[in-house]
N, C-alpha and C. Protein backbone atom coordinates (compact mmCIF):
# COMPACT_ATOMS: atom_id res chain seq x y z
N UNK A 1 115.31 -166.28 39.71
CA UNK A 1 116.15 -167.08 40.56
C UNK A 1 116.38 -166.44 41.93
N UNK A 2 116.50 -165.12 42.02
CA UNK A 2 116.75 -164.53 43.33
C UNK A 2 115.66 -164.80 44.36
N UNK A 3 114.44 -165.05 43.94
CA UNK A 3 113.36 -165.29 44.87
C UNK A 3 113.31 -166.73 45.36
N UNK A 4 113.87 -167.65 44.61
CA UNK A 4 113.85 -169.05 44.99
C UNK A 4 114.94 -169.34 46.01
N UNK A 5 114.66 -170.27 46.92
CA UNK A 5 115.63 -170.62 47.95
C UNK A 5 115.47 -172.07 48.38
N UNK A 6 116.02 -172.35 49.53
CA UNK A 6 115.99 -173.70 50.07
C UNK A 6 114.55 -174.20 50.17
N UNK A 7 114.33 -175.44 49.79
CA UNK A 7 113.03 -176.13 49.77
C UNK A 7 112.21 -175.85 48.52
N UNK A 8 112.60 -174.88 47.70
CA UNK A 8 111.89 -174.66 46.45
C UNK A 8 112.34 -175.72 45.44
N UNK A 9 111.51 -175.94 44.44
CA UNK A 9 111.81 -176.89 43.37
C UNK A 9 111.72 -176.19 42.02
N UNK A 10 112.53 -176.68 41.09
CA UNK A 10 112.39 -176.36 39.67
C UNK A 10 112.27 -177.69 38.96
N UNK A 11 111.23 -177.86 38.19
CA UNK A 11 111.04 -179.09 37.43
C UNK A 11 111.18 -178.76 35.95
N UNK A 12 112.14 -179.40 35.31
CA UNK A 12 112.29 -179.28 33.85
C UNK A 12 111.58 -180.50 33.28
N UNK A 13 110.39 -180.27 32.76
CA UNK A 13 109.46 -181.37 32.46
C UNK A 13 109.22 -181.56 30.98
N UNK A 14 108.81 -182.78 30.67
CA UNK A 14 108.35 -183.07 29.31
C UNK A 14 106.94 -182.49 29.16
N UNK A 15 106.44 -182.37 27.93
CA UNK A 15 105.14 -181.71 27.72
C UNK A 15 103.95 -182.44 28.33
N UNK A 16 104.08 -183.72 28.64
CA UNK A 16 102.96 -184.47 29.21
C UNK A 16 102.84 -184.27 30.72
N UNK A 17 103.76 -183.54 31.33
CA UNK A 17 103.68 -183.31 32.76
C UNK A 17 102.34 -182.63 33.06
N UNK A 18 101.61 -183.11 34.05
CA UNK A 18 100.25 -182.59 34.28
C UNK A 18 100.23 -181.16 34.83
N UNK A 19 99.15 -180.50 34.60
CA UNK A 19 98.89 -179.18 35.16
C UNK A 19 98.20 -179.41 36.50
N UNK A 20 98.93 -179.23 37.61
CA UNK A 20 98.35 -179.54 38.92
C UNK A 20 97.40 -178.45 39.42
N UNK A 21 96.59 -178.81 40.41
CA UNK A 21 95.69 -177.87 41.06
C UNK A 21 96.33 -177.16 42.24
N UNK A 22 97.50 -177.60 42.66
CA UNK A 22 98.16 -177.04 43.84
C UNK A 22 98.50 -175.57 43.64
N UNK A 23 98.16 -174.76 44.62
CA UNK A 23 98.42 -173.32 44.53
C UNK A 23 99.91 -173.00 44.51
N UNK A 24 100.73 -173.86 45.11
CA UNK A 24 102.16 -173.59 45.19
C UNK A 24 102.95 -173.97 43.97
N UNK A 25 102.27 -174.50 42.94
CA UNK A 25 102.97 -174.96 41.74
C UNK A 25 102.61 -174.05 40.57
N UNK A 26 103.64 -173.47 39.99
CA UNK A 26 103.49 -172.61 38.80
C UNK A 26 104.02 -173.37 37.60
N UNK A 27 103.24 -173.46 36.52
CA UNK A 27 103.64 -174.19 35.32
C UNK A 27 103.79 -173.20 34.17
N UNK A 28 104.94 -173.30 33.49
CA UNK A 28 105.22 -172.42 32.35
C UNK A 28 105.60 -173.29 31.16
N UNK A 29 104.90 -173.13 30.04
CA UNK A 29 105.26 -173.83 28.80
C UNK A 29 106.35 -173.03 28.10
N UNK A 30 107.35 -173.72 27.59
CA UNK A 30 108.43 -173.05 26.86
C UNK A 30 108.46 -173.59 25.44
N UNK A 31 109.27 -172.97 24.61
CA UNK A 31 109.46 -173.48 23.25
C UNK A 31 110.85 -174.08 23.10
N UNK A 32 111.41 -174.58 24.20
CA UNK A 32 112.76 -175.15 24.20
C UNK A 32 112.72 -176.66 24.34
N UNK A 33 113.72 -177.32 23.76
CA UNK A 33 113.87 -178.75 23.95
C UNK A 33 114.27 -179.02 25.40
N UNK A 34 114.15 -180.26 25.81
CA UNK A 34 114.48 -180.64 27.19
C UNK A 34 115.93 -180.27 27.53
N UNK A 35 116.86 -180.60 26.64
CA UNK A 35 118.27 -180.32 26.95
C UNK A 35 118.58 -178.83 26.89
N UNK A 36 117.98 -178.11 25.96
CA UNK A 36 118.20 -176.65 25.92
C UNK A 36 117.62 -175.97 27.15
N UNK A 37 116.44 -176.41 27.57
CA UNK A 37 115.80 -175.84 28.75
C UNK A 37 116.61 -176.17 30.00
N UNK A 38 117.05 -177.42 30.13
CA UNK A 38 117.87 -177.80 31.28
C UNK A 38 119.18 -177.02 31.30
N UNK A 39 119.78 -176.82 30.15
CA UNK A 39 121.02 -176.03 30.07
C UNK A 39 120.77 -174.61 30.56
N UNK A 40 119.68 -174.00 30.15
CA UNK A 40 119.36 -172.64 30.59
C UNK A 40 119.15 -172.58 32.10
N UNK A 41 118.46 -173.57 32.66
CA UNK A 41 118.24 -173.61 34.10
C UNK A 41 119.57 -173.80 34.83
N UNK A 42 120.39 -174.71 34.33
CA UNK A 42 121.70 -174.94 34.96
C UNK A 42 122.57 -173.69 34.92
N UNK A 43 122.53 -172.96 33.83
CA UNK A 43 123.29 -171.71 33.74
C UNK A 43 122.79 -170.69 34.75
N UNK A 44 121.47 -170.60 34.92
CA UNK A 44 120.92 -169.68 35.91
C UNK A 44 121.32 -170.10 37.32
N UNK A 45 121.29 -171.40 37.58
CA UNK A 45 121.68 -171.89 38.90
C UNK A 45 123.17 -171.66 39.18
N UNK A 46 123.97 -171.77 38.15
CA UNK A 46 125.42 -171.56 38.31
C UNK A 46 125.72 -170.13 38.75
N UNK A 47 124.87 -169.20 38.37
CA UNK A 47 125.06 -167.80 38.75
C UNK A 47 124.40 -167.43 40.07
N UNK A 48 123.72 -168.38 40.69
CA UNK A 48 123.01 -168.12 41.95
C UNK A 48 123.83 -168.70 43.10
N UNK A 49 124.47 -167.85 43.85
CA UNK A 49 125.33 -168.31 44.94
C UNK A 49 124.54 -168.72 46.18
N UNK A 50 123.29 -168.31 46.26
CA UNK A 50 122.51 -168.59 47.46
C UNK A 50 121.86 -169.98 47.48
N UNK A 51 121.84 -170.66 46.34
CA UNK A 51 121.25 -171.99 46.28
C UNK A 51 122.17 -172.95 45.51
N UNK A 52 121.99 -174.24 45.82
CA UNK A 52 122.67 -175.28 45.05
C UNK A 52 121.63 -176.32 44.69
N UNK A 53 121.75 -176.91 43.50
CA UNK A 53 120.75 -177.88 43.06
C UNK A 53 121.03 -179.29 43.54
N UNK A 54 119.96 -179.99 43.87
CA UNK A 54 119.99 -181.43 44.13
C UNK A 54 119.05 -182.03 43.09
N UNK A 55 119.59 -182.89 42.24
CA UNK A 55 118.85 -183.40 41.09
C UNK A 55 118.20 -184.75 41.38
N UNK A 56 116.99 -184.90 40.84
CA UNK A 56 116.28 -186.17 40.89
C UNK A 56 115.85 -186.51 39.46
N UNK A 57 116.15 -187.72 39.05
CA UNK A 57 115.70 -188.20 37.74
C UNK A 57 114.85 -189.44 37.95
N UNK A 58 114.07 -189.75 36.94
CA UNK A 58 113.16 -190.89 37.01
C UNK A 58 113.91 -192.21 36.96
N UNK A 59 113.63 -193.09 37.91
CA UNK A 59 114.25 -194.43 37.93
C UNK A 59 113.84 -195.22 36.68
N UNK A 60 112.73 -194.84 36.08
CA UNK A 60 112.26 -195.55 34.89
C UNK A 60 113.11 -195.25 33.65
N UNK A 61 113.76 -194.09 33.62
CA UNK A 61 114.46 -193.63 32.41
C UNK A 61 115.44 -194.64 31.83
N UNK A 62 116.32 -195.28 32.61
CA UNK A 62 117.27 -196.22 32.01
C UNK A 62 116.61 -197.45 31.37
N UNK A 63 115.35 -197.68 31.68
CA UNK A 63 114.65 -198.86 31.17
C UNK A 63 113.81 -198.55 29.93
N UNK A 64 113.72 -197.28 29.55
CA UNK A 64 112.98 -196.91 28.34
C UNK A 64 113.85 -197.30 27.14
N UNK A 65 113.29 -198.08 26.24
CA UNK A 65 114.07 -198.58 25.11
C UNK A 65 114.00 -197.63 23.91
N UNK A 66 115.03 -197.70 23.11
CA UNK A 66 115.08 -196.92 21.87
C UNK A 66 113.94 -197.36 20.94
N UNK A 67 113.58 -198.63 21.01
CA UNK A 67 112.49 -199.16 20.19
C UNK A 67 111.17 -198.46 20.52
N UNK A 68 110.96 -198.16 21.81
CA UNK A 68 109.71 -197.54 22.23
C UNK A 68 109.75 -196.02 22.21
N UNK A 69 110.95 -195.45 22.23
CA UNK A 69 111.09 -193.99 22.27
C UNK A 69 112.36 -193.60 21.51
N UNK A 70 112.21 -193.38 20.24
CA UNK A 70 113.37 -193.06 19.39
C UNK A 70 114.00 -191.75 19.85
N UNK A 71 115.30 -191.82 20.13
CA UNK A 71 116.04 -190.66 20.60
C UNK A 71 116.35 -190.71 22.09
N UNK A 72 115.82 -191.71 22.79
CA UNK A 72 115.99 -191.76 24.24
C UNK A 72 117.44 -192.00 24.63
N UNK A 73 118.17 -192.80 23.90
CA UNK A 73 119.57 -193.08 24.24
C UNK A 73 120.42 -191.83 24.07
N UNK A 74 120.17 -191.07 23.02
CA UNK A 74 120.91 -189.80 22.83
C UNK A 74 120.59 -188.84 23.97
N UNK A 75 119.31 -188.79 24.37
CA UNK A 75 118.93 -187.92 25.48
C UNK A 75 119.63 -188.35 26.77
N UNK A 76 119.65 -189.65 27.03
CA UNK A 76 120.30 -190.16 28.24
C UNK A 76 121.77 -189.76 28.28
N UNK A 77 122.45 -189.84 27.14
CA UNK A 77 123.85 -189.45 27.07
C UNK A 77 124.02 -187.95 27.33
N UNK A 78 123.15 -187.13 26.75
CA UNK A 78 123.20 -185.68 26.97
C UNK A 78 122.93 -185.36 28.43
N UNK A 79 121.96 -186.03 29.03
CA UNK A 79 121.61 -185.78 30.42
C UNK A 79 122.78 -186.12 31.34
N UNK A 80 123.43 -187.24 31.08
CA UNK A 80 124.58 -187.63 31.90
C UNK A 80 125.67 -186.56 31.84
N UNK A 81 125.88 -186.00 30.67
CA UNK A 81 126.88 -184.94 30.51
C UNK A 81 126.46 -183.68 31.25
N UNK A 82 125.20 -183.29 31.12
CA UNK A 82 124.71 -182.07 31.75
C UNK A 82 124.75 -182.14 33.28
N UNK A 83 124.47 -183.31 33.83
CA UNK A 83 124.40 -183.44 35.29
C UNK A 83 125.70 -183.96 35.92
N UNK A 84 126.70 -184.17 35.09
CA UNK A 84 127.98 -184.71 35.58
C UNK A 84 128.53 -183.83 36.70
N UNK A 85 128.89 -184.47 37.79
CA UNK A 85 129.44 -183.74 38.93
C UNK A 85 128.40 -183.23 39.90
N UNK A 86 127.13 -183.33 39.53
CA UNK A 86 126.06 -182.87 40.42
C UNK A 86 125.60 -183.97 41.35
N UNK A 87 124.86 -183.58 42.37
CA UNK A 87 124.26 -184.54 43.29
C UNK A 87 122.97 -185.04 42.66
N UNK A 88 122.97 -186.30 42.19
CA UNK A 88 121.85 -186.85 41.44
C UNK A 88 121.33 -188.11 42.12
N UNK A 89 120.03 -188.16 42.34
CA UNK A 89 119.36 -189.36 42.85
C UNK A 89 118.34 -189.80 41.82
N UNK A 90 118.14 -191.09 41.73
CA UNK A 90 117.16 -191.65 40.82
C UNK A 90 116.10 -192.36 41.64
N UNK A 91 114.85 -191.92 41.48
CA UNK A 91 113.73 -192.48 42.23
C UNK A 91 112.57 -192.72 41.27
N UNK A 92 111.63 -193.61 41.63
CA UNK A 92 110.45 -193.78 40.79
C UNK A 92 109.70 -192.45 40.64
N UNK A 93 109.17 -192.21 39.47
CA UNK A 93 108.50 -190.94 39.14
C UNK A 93 107.44 -190.60 40.18
N UNK A 94 106.62 -191.55 40.55
CA UNK A 94 105.54 -191.27 41.50
C UNK A 94 106.09 -190.78 42.84
N UNK A 95 107.21 -191.32 43.26
CA UNK A 95 107.81 -190.91 44.54
C UNK A 95 108.34 -189.48 44.47
N UNK A 96 108.96 -189.13 43.36
CA UNK A 96 109.46 -187.76 43.21
C UNK A 96 108.28 -186.79 43.16
N UNK A 97 107.27 -187.11 42.36
CA UNK A 97 106.11 -186.23 42.26
C UNK A 97 105.42 -186.05 43.61
N UNK A 98 105.36 -187.10 44.42
CA UNK A 98 104.74 -187.00 45.74
C UNK A 98 105.53 -186.03 46.62
N UNK A 99 106.86 -186.08 46.55
CA UNK A 99 107.68 -185.17 47.34
C UNK A 99 107.51 -183.73 46.88
N UNK A 100 107.44 -183.53 45.57
CA UNK A 100 107.23 -182.19 45.02
C UNK A 100 105.88 -181.65 45.49
N UNK A 101 104.83 -182.45 45.37
CA UNK A 101 103.49 -182.03 45.78
C UNK A 101 103.42 -181.73 47.27
N UNK A 102 104.12 -182.54 48.06
CA UNK A 102 104.15 -182.32 49.50
C UNK A 102 104.83 -180.98 49.83
N UNK A 103 105.96 -180.72 49.20
CA UNK A 103 106.67 -179.46 49.43
C UNK A 103 105.88 -178.26 48.90
N UNK A 104 105.07 -178.48 47.87
CA UNK A 104 104.29 -177.38 47.28
C UNK A 104 103.26 -176.82 48.26
N UNK A 105 102.96 -177.56 49.31
CA UNK A 105 102.02 -177.05 50.31
C UNK A 105 102.60 -175.85 51.05
N UNK A 106 103.92 -175.80 51.15
CA UNK A 106 104.57 -174.73 51.91
C UNK A 106 105.56 -173.89 51.11
N UNK A 107 106.00 -174.42 49.98
CA UNK A 107 107.04 -173.75 49.20
C UNK A 107 106.66 -173.71 47.72
N UNK A 108 107.27 -172.78 47.01
CA UNK A 108 106.98 -172.59 45.60
C UNK A 108 107.68 -173.65 44.74
N UNK A 109 106.96 -174.15 43.75
CA UNK A 109 107.51 -175.08 42.77
C UNK A 109 107.31 -174.46 41.39
N UNK A 110 108.38 -174.39 40.62
CA UNK A 110 108.32 -173.86 39.26
C UNK A 110 108.51 -175.03 38.29
N UNK A 111 107.48 -175.29 37.47
CA UNK A 111 107.55 -176.34 36.46
C UNK A 111 107.71 -175.67 35.11
N UNK A 112 108.80 -176.01 34.42
CA UNK A 112 109.07 -175.49 33.09
C UNK A 112 108.92 -176.64 32.11
N UNK A 113 107.95 -176.52 31.20
CA UNK A 113 107.66 -177.61 30.27
C UNK A 113 108.45 -177.42 28.97
N UNK A 114 109.12 -178.48 28.55
CA UNK A 114 109.88 -178.46 27.31
C UNK A 114 109.00 -178.95 26.15
N UNK A 115 109.61 -179.01 24.97
CA UNK A 115 108.90 -179.51 23.78
C UNK A 115 109.30 -180.94 23.45
N UNK A 116 110.20 -181.53 24.23
CA UNK A 116 110.71 -182.87 23.94
C UNK A 116 109.70 -183.93 24.34
N UNK A 117 109.30 -184.75 23.38
CA UNK A 117 108.28 -185.76 23.63
C UNK A 117 108.92 -187.14 23.81
N UNK A 118 109.68 -187.27 24.89
CA UNK A 118 110.27 -188.54 25.29
C UNK A 118 109.82 -188.82 26.73
N UNK A 119 109.45 -190.07 27.03
CA UNK A 119 108.93 -190.38 28.37
C UNK A 119 110.01 -190.39 29.44
N UNK A 120 109.61 -190.05 30.64
CA UNK A 120 110.45 -190.13 31.85
C UNK A 120 111.73 -189.30 31.73
N UNK A 121 111.64 -188.17 31.08
CA UNK A 121 112.82 -187.32 30.89
C UNK A 121 112.83 -186.09 31.78
N UNK A 122 111.83 -185.93 32.61
CA UNK A 122 111.79 -184.76 33.49
C UNK A 122 112.96 -184.81 34.47
N UNK A 123 113.48 -183.63 34.78
CA UNK A 123 114.54 -183.49 35.78
C UNK A 123 113.97 -182.62 36.89
N UNK A 124 113.98 -183.15 38.10
CA UNK A 124 113.44 -182.48 39.27
C UNK A 124 114.61 -181.92 40.05
N UNK A 125 114.57 -180.63 40.33
CA UNK A 125 115.68 -179.97 41.00
C UNK A 125 115.18 -179.36 42.31
N UNK A 126 115.62 -179.95 43.40
CA UNK A 126 115.30 -179.40 44.72
C UNK A 126 116.43 -178.46 45.10
N UNK A 127 116.07 -177.26 45.50
CA UNK A 127 117.09 -176.28 45.85
C UNK A 127 117.44 -176.39 47.32
N UNK A 128 118.72 -176.28 47.59
CA UNK A 128 119.23 -176.30 48.95
C UNK A 128 120.08 -175.05 49.12
N UNK A 129 120.46 -174.76 50.32
CA UNK A 129 121.28 -173.58 50.58
C UNK A 129 122.62 -173.70 49.87
N UNK A 130 123.02 -172.64 49.24
CA UNK A 130 124.30 -172.63 48.54
C UNK A 130 125.46 -172.24 49.43
N UNK A 131 125.17 -171.73 50.60
CA UNK A 131 126.24 -171.27 51.48
C UNK A 131 126.21 -171.92 52.85
N UNK A 132 125.36 -172.93 53.03
CA UNK A 132 125.27 -173.63 54.30
C UNK A 132 125.02 -175.10 54.00
N UNK A 133 125.96 -175.96 54.35
CA UNK A 133 125.87 -177.37 53.99
C UNK A 133 125.11 -178.17 55.05
N UNK A 134 124.71 -179.37 54.66
CA UNK A 134 124.05 -180.29 55.60
C UNK A 134 124.99 -180.64 56.74
N UNK A 135 126.28 -180.79 56.44
CA UNK A 135 127.26 -181.08 57.49
C UNK A 135 127.37 -179.92 58.49
N UNK A 136 127.37 -178.70 57.98
CA UNK A 136 127.42 -177.53 58.86
C UNK A 136 126.18 -177.48 59.75
N UNK A 137 125.03 -177.82 59.19
CA UNK A 137 123.78 -177.83 59.97
C UNK A 137 123.86 -178.88 61.08
N UNK A 138 124.40 -180.06 60.78
CA UNK A 138 124.54 -181.11 61.79
C UNK A 138 125.47 -180.66 62.92
N UNK A 139 126.58 -180.00 62.56
CA UNK A 139 127.50 -179.52 63.58
C UNK A 139 126.83 -178.45 64.45
N UNK A 140 126.06 -177.57 63.83
CA UNK A 140 125.34 -176.54 64.57
C UNK A 140 124.37 -177.18 65.57
N UNK A 141 123.58 -178.14 65.09
CA UNK A 141 122.59 -178.80 65.95
C UNK A 141 123.27 -179.56 67.09
N UNK A 142 124.39 -180.17 66.82
CA UNK A 142 125.13 -180.89 67.88
C UNK A 142 125.66 -179.91 68.91
N UNK A 143 126.15 -178.76 68.46
CA UNK A 143 126.67 -177.76 69.38
C UNK A 143 125.57 -177.17 70.27
N UNK A 144 124.35 -177.17 69.79
CA UNK A 144 123.23 -176.61 70.55
C UNK A 144 122.71 -177.56 71.62
N UNK A 145 123.08 -178.81 71.56
CA UNK A 145 122.61 -179.80 72.54
C UNK A 145 123.21 -179.50 73.91
N UNK A 146 122.41 -179.64 74.95
CA UNK A 146 122.93 -179.41 76.30
C UNK A 146 124.03 -180.43 76.62
N UNK A 147 125.03 -179.96 77.34
CA UNK A 147 126.16 -180.84 77.67
C UNK A 147 125.97 -181.47 79.00
């Protein structure tokens, strides 16, 4: 965690997440369930004062039925609890993956694969500065403008 910073990503992925060719993407298989792996990542992030997580989840997830993926409703409830209070955006999977791949050209992406075999359960975490907010950056940029 100490090496990761603003613009880096951590992806807590299901096992079907592809192994990309991009040099900036590191993929690690784990023996943890999706929720256990996400909990471990969240605990590590909680101890990292230099970064804060911005979460992205798949827009498809709420539409996956229990009939097609047994256990998905329980996972959705657990995910809501785990991410409660966090900054969470929901976007189509392809759009999130495109942003991750784009950032991987310049920044490191860590993909941690879980053992949970449920579709659209990956959680994409973009890291931002933990000690400098977007509002502070806007004020800085405004102050730098010639008067």
